[in-house]
Amino acid sequence: GVVDGLVVGDHVVVLGEVNGSIYAKELVLRTASTVEGQIYHEALVLESGCFFEGKSRRYSNPVGLAPDA
């Protein structure tokens, strides 16, 4: 699937495309996934073949940083 906008969750796995910001305690970008935007995470996994364009920031409580969280 395709998400244009904000993604917030404790454990987020991207299998498709995200254009926007992601706030997640654990974030996994699977093979062939595409993320363009800002990511805020505590733990990050980038599988071989994923595409990420943007900025990555590590925080101890990224979900708490999300707008309207």
PDB file of N, CA and C in Angstrom:
ATOM      1  N   GLY A   1       0.808  -1.178   0.000  1.00  0.00           N
ATOM      2  CA  GLY A   1       0.000   0.000   0.000  1.00  0.00           C
ATOM      3  C   GLY A   1       0.854   1.244   0.000  1.00  0.00           C
ATOM      4  N   VAL A   2       0.206   2.376  -0.099  1.00  0.00           N
ATOM      5  CA  VAL A   2       0.863   3.683  -0.120  1.00  0.00           C
ATOM      6  C   VAL A   2       0.249   4.545   0.970  1.00  0.00           C
ATOM      7  N   VAL A   3       1.091   5.166   1.777  1.00  0.00           N
ATOM      8  CA  VAL A   3       0.652   6.091   2.815  1.00  0.00           C
ATOM      9  C   VAL A   3       1.273   7.448   2.533  1.00  0.00           C
ATOM     10  N   ASP A   4       0.431   8.476   2.413  1.00  0.00           N
ATOM     11  CA  ASP A   4       0.886   9.861   2.308  1.00  0.00           C
ATOM     12  C   ASP A   4       0.478  10.548   3.599  1.00  0.00           C
ATOM     13  N   GLY A   5       1.447  10.786   4.481  1.00  0.00           N
ATOM     14  CA  GLY A   5       1.111  11.431   5.740  1.00  0.00           C
ATOM     15  C   GLY A   5       1.899  10.870   6.898  1.00  0.00           C
ATOM     16  N   LEU A   6       1.285  10.903   8.069  1.00  0.00           N
ATOM     17  CA  LEU A   6       1.918  10.562   9.335  1.00  0.00           C
ATOM     18  C   LEU A   6       1.624   9.113   9.727  1.00  0.00           C
ATOM     19  N   VAL A   7       2.680   8.414  10.197  1.00  0.00           N
ATOM     20  CA  VAL A   7       2.527   7.053  10.723  1.00  0.00           C
ATOM     21  C   VAL A   7       3.090   7.053  12.141  1.00  0.00           C
ATOM     22  N   VAL A   8       2.304   6.565  13.107  1.00  0.00           N
ATOM     23  CA  VAL A   8       2.726   6.515  14.510  1.00  0.00           C
ATOM     24  C   VAL A   8       2.390   5.140  15.061  1.00  0.00           C
ATOM     25  N   GLY A   9       3.360   4.499  15.731  1.00  0.00           N
ATOM     26  CA  GLY A   9       3.084   3.200  16.336  1.00  0.00           C
ATOM     27  C   GLY A   9       4.271   2.672  17.097  1.00  0.00           C
ATOM     28  N   ASP A  10       4.013   1.724  17.986  1.00  0.00           N
ATOM     29  CA  ASP A  10       5.105   1.116  18.741  1.00  0.00           C
ATOM     30  C   ASP A  10       5.990   0.266  17.839  1.00  0.00           C
ATOM     31  N   HIS A  11       5.365  -0.564  16.998  1.00  0.00           N
ATOM     32  CA  HIS A  11       6.107  -1.444  16.090  1.00  0.00           C
ATOM     33  C   HIS A  11       5.547  -1.241  14.684  1.00  0.00           C
ATOM     34  N   VAL A  12       6.350  -0.643  13.810  1.00  0.00           N
ATOM     35  CA  VAL A  12       5.911  -0.335  12.451  1.00  0.00           C
ATOM     36  C   VAL A  12       6.765  -1.115  11.463  1.00  0.00           C
ATOM     37  N   VAL A  13       6.115  -1.816  10.545  1.00  0.00           N
ATOM     38  CA  VAL A  13       6.790  -2.539   9.472  1.00  0.00           C
ATOM     39  C   VAL A  13       6.282  -1.968   8.159  1.00  0.00           C
ATOM     40  N   VAL A  14       7.197  -1.457   7.337  1.00  0.00           N
ATOM     41  CA  VAL A  14       6.825  -0.878   6.049  1.00  0.00           C
ATOM     42  C   VAL A  14       7.078  -1.920   4.965  1.00  0.00           C
ATOM     43  N   LEU A  15       6.000  -2.272   4.259  1.00  0.00           N
ATOM     44  CA  LEU A  15       6.087  -3.233   3.161  1.00  0.00           C
ATOM     45  C   LEU A  15       5.897  -2.550   1.813  1.00  0.00           C
ATOM     46  N   GLY A  16       5.321  -1.351   1.815  1.00  0.00           N
ATOM     47  CA  GLY A  16       5.025  -0.623   0.587  1.00  0.00           C
ATOM     48  C   GLY A  16       5.754   0.707   0.544  1.00  0.00           C
ATOM     49  N   GLU A  17       4.973   1.803   0.457  1.00  0.00           N
ATOM     50  CA  GLU A  17       5.545   3.132   0.291  1.00  0.00           C
ATOM     51  C   GLU A  17       4.966   4.092   1.327  1.00  0.00           C
ATOM     52  N   VAL A  18       5.838   4.891   1.950  1.00  0.00           N
ATOM     53  CA  VAL A  18       5.418   5.935   2.882  1.00  0.00           C
ATOM     54  C   VAL A  18       6.058   7.241   2.449  1.00  0.00           C
ATOM     55  N   ASN A  19       5.230   8.268   2.287  1.00  0.00           N
ATOM     56  CA  ASN A  19       5.687   9.622   2.006  1.00  0.00           C
ATOM     57  C   ASN A  19       5.225  10.483   3.171  1.00  0.00           C
ATOM     58  N   GLY A  20       6.131  10.763   4.087  1.00  0.00           N
ATOM     59  CA  GLY A  20       5.773  11.536   5.272  1.00  0.00           C
ATOM     60  C   GLY A  20       6.639  11.124   6.443  1.00  0.00           C
ATOM     61  N   SER A  21       6.205  11.462   7.637  1.00  0.00           N
ATOM     62  CA  SER A  21       6.961  11.182   8.858  1.00  0.00           C
ATOM     63  C   SER A  21       6.488   9.898   9.518  1.00  0.00           C
ATOM     64  N   ILE A  22       7.457   9.173  10.103  1.00  0.00           N
ATOM     65  CA  ILE A  22       7.160   7.958  10.854  1.00  0.00           C
ATOM     66  C   ILE A  22       7.739   8.113  12.257  1.00  0.00           C
ATOM     67  N   TYR A  23       6.912   7.846  13.268  1.00  0.00           N
ATOM     68  CA  TYR A  23       7.326   7.848  14.668  1.00  0.00           C
ATOM     69  C   TYR A  23       7.072   6.448  15.195  1.00  0.00           C
ATOM     70  N   ALA A  24       8.144   5.715  15.532  1.00  0.00           N
ATOM     71  CA  ALA A  24       7.972   4.325  15.968  1.00  0.00           C
ATOM     72  C   ALA A  24       9.068   3.921  16.939  1.00  0.00           C
ATOM     73  N   LYS A  25       8.673   3.129  17.956  1.00  0.00           N
ATOM     74  CA  LYS A  25       9.687   2.565  18.852  1.00  0.00           C
ATOM     75  C   LYS A  25      10.578   1.614  18.059  1.00  0.00           C
ATOM     76  N   GLU A  26       9.959   0.721  17.296  1.00  0.00           N
ATOM     77  CA  GLU A  26      10.681  -0.216  16.436  1.00  0.00           C
ATOM     78  C   GLU A  26      10.186  -0.020  15.011  1.00  0.00           C
ATOM     79  N   LEU A  27      11.101   0.237  14.104  1.00  0.00           N
ATOM     80  CA  LEU A  27      10.747   0.467  12.701  1.00  0.00           C
ATOM     81  C   LEU A  27      11.539  -0.481  11.820  1.00  0.00           C
ATOM     82  N   VAL A  28      10.835  -1.198  10.943  1.00  0.00           N
ATOM     83  CA  VAL A  28      11.470  -2.117   9.999  1.00  0.00           C
ATOM     84  C   VAL A  28      11.074  -1.696   8.590  1.00  0.00           C
ATOM     85  N   LEU A  29      12.072  -1.448   7.746  1.00  0.00           N
ATOM     86  CA  LEU A  29      11.834  -1.170   6.332  1.00  0.00           C
ATOM     87  C   LEU A  29      12.186  -2.441   5.574  1.00  0.00           C
ATOM     88  N   ARG A  30      11.167  -3.116   5.060  1.00  0.00           N
ATOM     89  CA  ARG A  30      11.354  -4.401   4.381  1.00  0.00           C
ATOM     90  C   ARG A  30      11.918  -4.213   2.975  1.00  0.00           C
ATOM     91  N   THR A  31      12.423  -5.303   2.428  1.00  0.00           N
ATOM     92  CA  THR A  31      12.941  -5.313   1.068  1.00  0.00           C
ATOM     93  C   THR A  31      11.892  -4.757   0.114  1.00  0.00           C
ATOM     94  N   ALA A  32      12.304  -3.894  -0.793  1.00  0.00           N
ATOM     95  CA  ALA A  32      11.468  -3.275  -1.822  1.00  0.00           C
ATOM     96  C   ALA A  32      10.531  -2.200  -1.273  1.00  0.00           C
ATOM     97  N   SER A  33      10.619  -1.863   0.021  1.00  0.00           N
ATOM     98  CA  SER A  33       9.819  -0.757   0.551  1.00  0.00           C
ATOM     99  C   SER A  33      10.500   0.570   0.216  1.00  0.00           C
ATOM    100  N   THR A  34       9.696   1.644   0.233  1.00  0.00           N
ATOM    101  CA  THR A  34      10.196   2.984  -0.062  1.00  0.00           C
ATOM    102  C   THR A  34       9.672   3.947   0.993  1.00  0.00           C
ATOM    103  N   VAL A  35      10.577   4.706   1.604  1.00  0.00           N
ATOM    104  CA  VAL A  35      10.186   5.735   2.559  1.00  0.00           C
ATOM    105  C   VAL A  35      10.878   7.029   2.175  1.00  0.00           C
ATOM    106  N   GLU A  36      10.077   8.081   2.019  1.00  0.00           N
ATOM    107  CA  GLU A  36      10.613   9.411   1.757  1.00  0.00           C
ATOM    108  C   GLU A  36      10.060  10.335   2.824  1.00  0.00           C
ATOM    109  N   GLY A  37      10.936  10.833   3.699  1.00  0.00           N
ATOM    110  CA  GLY A  37      10.507  11.719   4.770  1.00  0.00           C
ATOM    111  C   GLY A  37      11.386  11.569   5.994  1.00  0.00           C
ATOM    112  N   GLN A  38      10.862  12.008   7.119  1.00  0.00           N
ATOM    113  CA  GLN A  38      11.567  11.956   8.391  1.00  0.00           C
ATOM    114  C   GLN A  38      11.156  10.700   9.151  1.00  0.00           C
ATOM    115  N   ILE A  39      12.137  10.047   9.789  1.00  0.00           N
ATOM    116  CA  ILE A  39      11.792   8.935  10.665  1.00  0.00           C
ATOM    117  C   ILE A  39      12.403   9.181  12.043  1.00  0.00           C
ATOM    118  N   TYR A  40      11.599   8.911  13.053  1.00  0.00           N
ATOM    119  CA  TYR A  40      11.993   9.049  14.444  1.00  0.00           C
ATOM    120  C   TYR A  40      11.783   7.684  15.084  1.00  0.00           C
ATOM    121  N   HIS A  41      12.837   7.100  15.637  1.00  0.00           N
ATOM    122  CA  HIS A  41      12.780   5.707  16.080  1.00  0.00           C
ATOM    123  C   HIS A  41      13.662   5.478  17.292  1.00  0.00           C
ATOM    124  N   GLU A  42      13.396   4.365  17.974  1.00  0.00           N
ATOM    125  CA  GLU A  42      14.285   3.881  19.028  1.00  0.00           C
ATOM    126  C   GLU A  42      15.163   2.768  18.464  1.00  0.00           C
ATOM    127  N   ALA A  43      14.570   1.912  17.619  1.00  0.00           N
ATOM    128  CA  ALA A  43      15.300   0.835  16.946  1.00  0.00           C
ATOM    129  C   ALA A  43      14.898   0.842  15.475  1.00  0.00           C
ATOM    130  N   LEU A  44      15.883   0.669  14.595  1.00  0.00           N
ATOM    131  CA  LEU A  44      15.647   0.735  13.150  1.00  0.00           C
ATOM    132  C   LEU A  44      16.319  -0.437  12.453  1.00  0.00           C
ATOM    133  N   VAL A  45      15.562  -1.105  11.564  1.00  0.00           N
ATOM    134  CA  VAL A  45      16.099  -2.190  10.742  1.00  0.00           C
ATOM    135  C   VAL A  45      15.858  -1.833   9.278  1.00  0.00           C
ATOM    136  N   LEU A  46      16.917  -1.814   8.497  1.00  0.00           N
ATOM    137  CA  LEU A  46      16.828  -1.572   7.056  1.00  0.00           C
ATOM    138  C   LEU A  46      17.223  -2.864   6.346  1.00  0.00           C
ATOM    139  N   GLU A  47      16.255  -3.520   5.740  1.00  0.00           N
ATOM    140  CA  GLU A  47      16.557  -4.752   5.015  1.00  0.00           C
ATOM    141  C   GLU A  47      17.189  -4.419   3.671  1.00  0.00           C
ATOM    142  N   SER A  48      17.991  -5.321   3.171  1.00  0.00           N
ATOM    143  CA  SER A  48      18.635  -5.145   1.876  1.00  0.00           C
ATOM    144  C   SER A  48      17.583  -4.950   0.792  1.00  0.00           C
ATOM    145  N   GLY A  49      17.741  -3.907  -0.011  1.00  0.00           N
ATOM    146  CA  GLY A  49      16.813  -3.647  -1.093  1.00  0.00           C
ATOM    147  C   GLY A  49      15.762  -2.595  -0.782  1.00  0.00           C
ATOM    148  N   CYS A  50      15.715  -2.102   0.467  1.00  0.00           N
ATOM    149  CA  CYS A  50      14.766  -1.026   0.785  1.00  0.00           C
ATOM    150  C   CYS A  50      15.345   0.307   0.310  1.00  0.00           C
ATOM    151  N   PHE A  51      14.489   1.321   0.193  1.00  0.00           N
ATOM    152  CA  PHE A  51      14.909   2.660  -0.210  1.00  0.00           C
ATOM    153  C   PHE A  51      14.448   3.644   0.842  1.00  0.00           C
ATOM    154  N   PHE A  52      15.371   4.464   1.351  1.00  0.00           N
ATOM    155  CA  PHE A  52      15.037   5.495   2.327  1.00  0.00           C
ATOM    156  C   PHE A  52      15.708   6.793   1.913  1.00  0.00           C
ATOM    157  N   GLU A  53      14.902   7.849   1.787  1.00  0.00           N
ATOM    158  CA  GLU A  53      15.401   9.181   1.451  1.00  0.00           C
ATOM    159  C   GLU A  53      14.842  10.136   2.490  1.00  0.00           C
ATOM    160  N   GLY A  54      15.700  10.761   3.269  1.00  0.00           N
ATOM    161  CA  GLY A  54      15.246  11.699   4.291  1.00  0.00           C
ATOM    162  C   GLY A  54      16.194  11.713   5.465  1.00  0.00           C
ATOM    163  N   LYS A  55      15.668  12.050   6.643  1.00  0.00           N
ATOM    164  CA  LYS A  55      16.470  12.104   7.859  1.00  0.00           C
ATOM    165  C   LYS A  55      15.966  11.087   8.860  1.00  0.00           C
ATOM    166  N   SER A  56      16.912  10.475   9.548  1.00  0.00           N
ATOM    167  CA  SER A  56      16.609   9.504  10.580  1.00  0.00           C
ATOM    168  C   SER A  56      17.134  10.039  11.907  1.00  0.00           C
ATOM    169  N   ARG A  57      16.289  10.016  12.916  1.00  0.00           N
ATOM    170  CA  ARG A  57      16.673  10.471  14.247  1.00  0.00           C
ATOM    171  C   ARG A  57      16.309   9.405  15.269  1.00  0.00           C
ATOM    172  N   ARG A  58      17.258   9.116  16.160  1.00  0.00           N
ATOM    173  CA  ARG A  58      17.015   8.122  17.209  1.00  0.00           C
ATOM    174  C   ARG A  58      16.628   8.852  18.493  1.00  0.00           C
ATOM    175  N   TYR A  59      15.530   8.401  19.128  1.00  0.00           N
ATOM    176  CA  TYR A  59      15.048   8.962  20.387  1.00  0.00           C
ATOM    177  C   TYR A  59      14.620   7.827  21.302  1.00  0.00           C
ATOM    178  N   SER A  60      14.658   8.067  22.597  1.00  0.00           N
ATOM    179  CA  SER A  60      14.237   7.037  23.543  1.00  0.00           C
ATOM    180  C   SER A  60      12.706   6.904  23.592  1.00  0.00           C
ATOM    181  N   ASN A  61      11.966   7.963  23.220  1.00  0.00           N
ATOM    182  CA  ASN A  61      10.499   7.907  23.191  1.00  0.00           C
ATOM    183  C   ASN A  61       9.984   8.614  21.947  1.00  0.00           C
ATOM    184  N   PRO A  62      10.180   8.031  20.771  1.00  0.00           N
ATOM    185  CA  PRO A  62       9.780   8.710  19.546  1.00  0.00           C
ATOM    186  C   PRO A  62       8.270   8.880  19.397  1.00  0.00           C
ATOM    187  N   VAL A  63       7.490   7.950  19.923  1.00  0.00           N
ATOM    188  CA  VAL A  63       6.034   8.052  19.802  1.00  0.00           C
ATOM    189  C   VAL A  63       5.535   9.285  20.554  1.00  0.00           C
ATOM    190  N   GLY A  64       6.181   9.627  21.658  1.00  0.00           N
ATOM    191  CA  GLY A  64       5.813  10.812  22.426  1.00  0.00           C
ATOM    192  C   GLY A  64       6.096  12.116  21.708  1.00  0.00           C
ATOM    193  N   LEU A  65       6.967  12.084  20.707  1.00  0.00           N
ATOM    194  CA  LEU A  65       7.290  13.278  19.909  1.00  0.00           C
ATOM    195  C   LEU A  65       6.270  13.560  18.816  1.00  0.00           C
ATOM    196  N   ALA A  66       5.492  12.559  18.462  1.00  0.00           N
ATOM    197  CA  ALA A  66       4.571  12.681  17.326  1.00  0.00           C
ATOM    198  C   ALA A  66       3.514  13.761  17.584  1.00  0.00           C
ATOM    199  N   PRO A  67       3.160  14.496  16.552  1.00  0.00           N
ATOM    200  CA  PRO A  67       2.081  15.473  16.701  1.00  0.00           C
ATOM    201  C   PRO A  67       0.780  14.778  17.112  1.00  0.00           C
ATOM    202  N   ASP A  68       0.082  15.338  18.071  1.00  0.00           N
ATOM    203  CA  ASP A  68      -1.192  14.794  18.572  1.00  0.00           C
ATOM    204  C   ASP A  68      -1.055  13.412  19.181  1.00  0.00           C
ATOM    205  N   ALA A  69       0.137  13.089  19.703  1.00  0.00           N
ATOM    206  CA  ALA A  69       0.326  11.753  20.317  1.00  0.00           C
ATOM    207  C   ALA A  69      -0.136  11.752  21.753  1.00  0.00           C
TER     208      ALA A  69
END
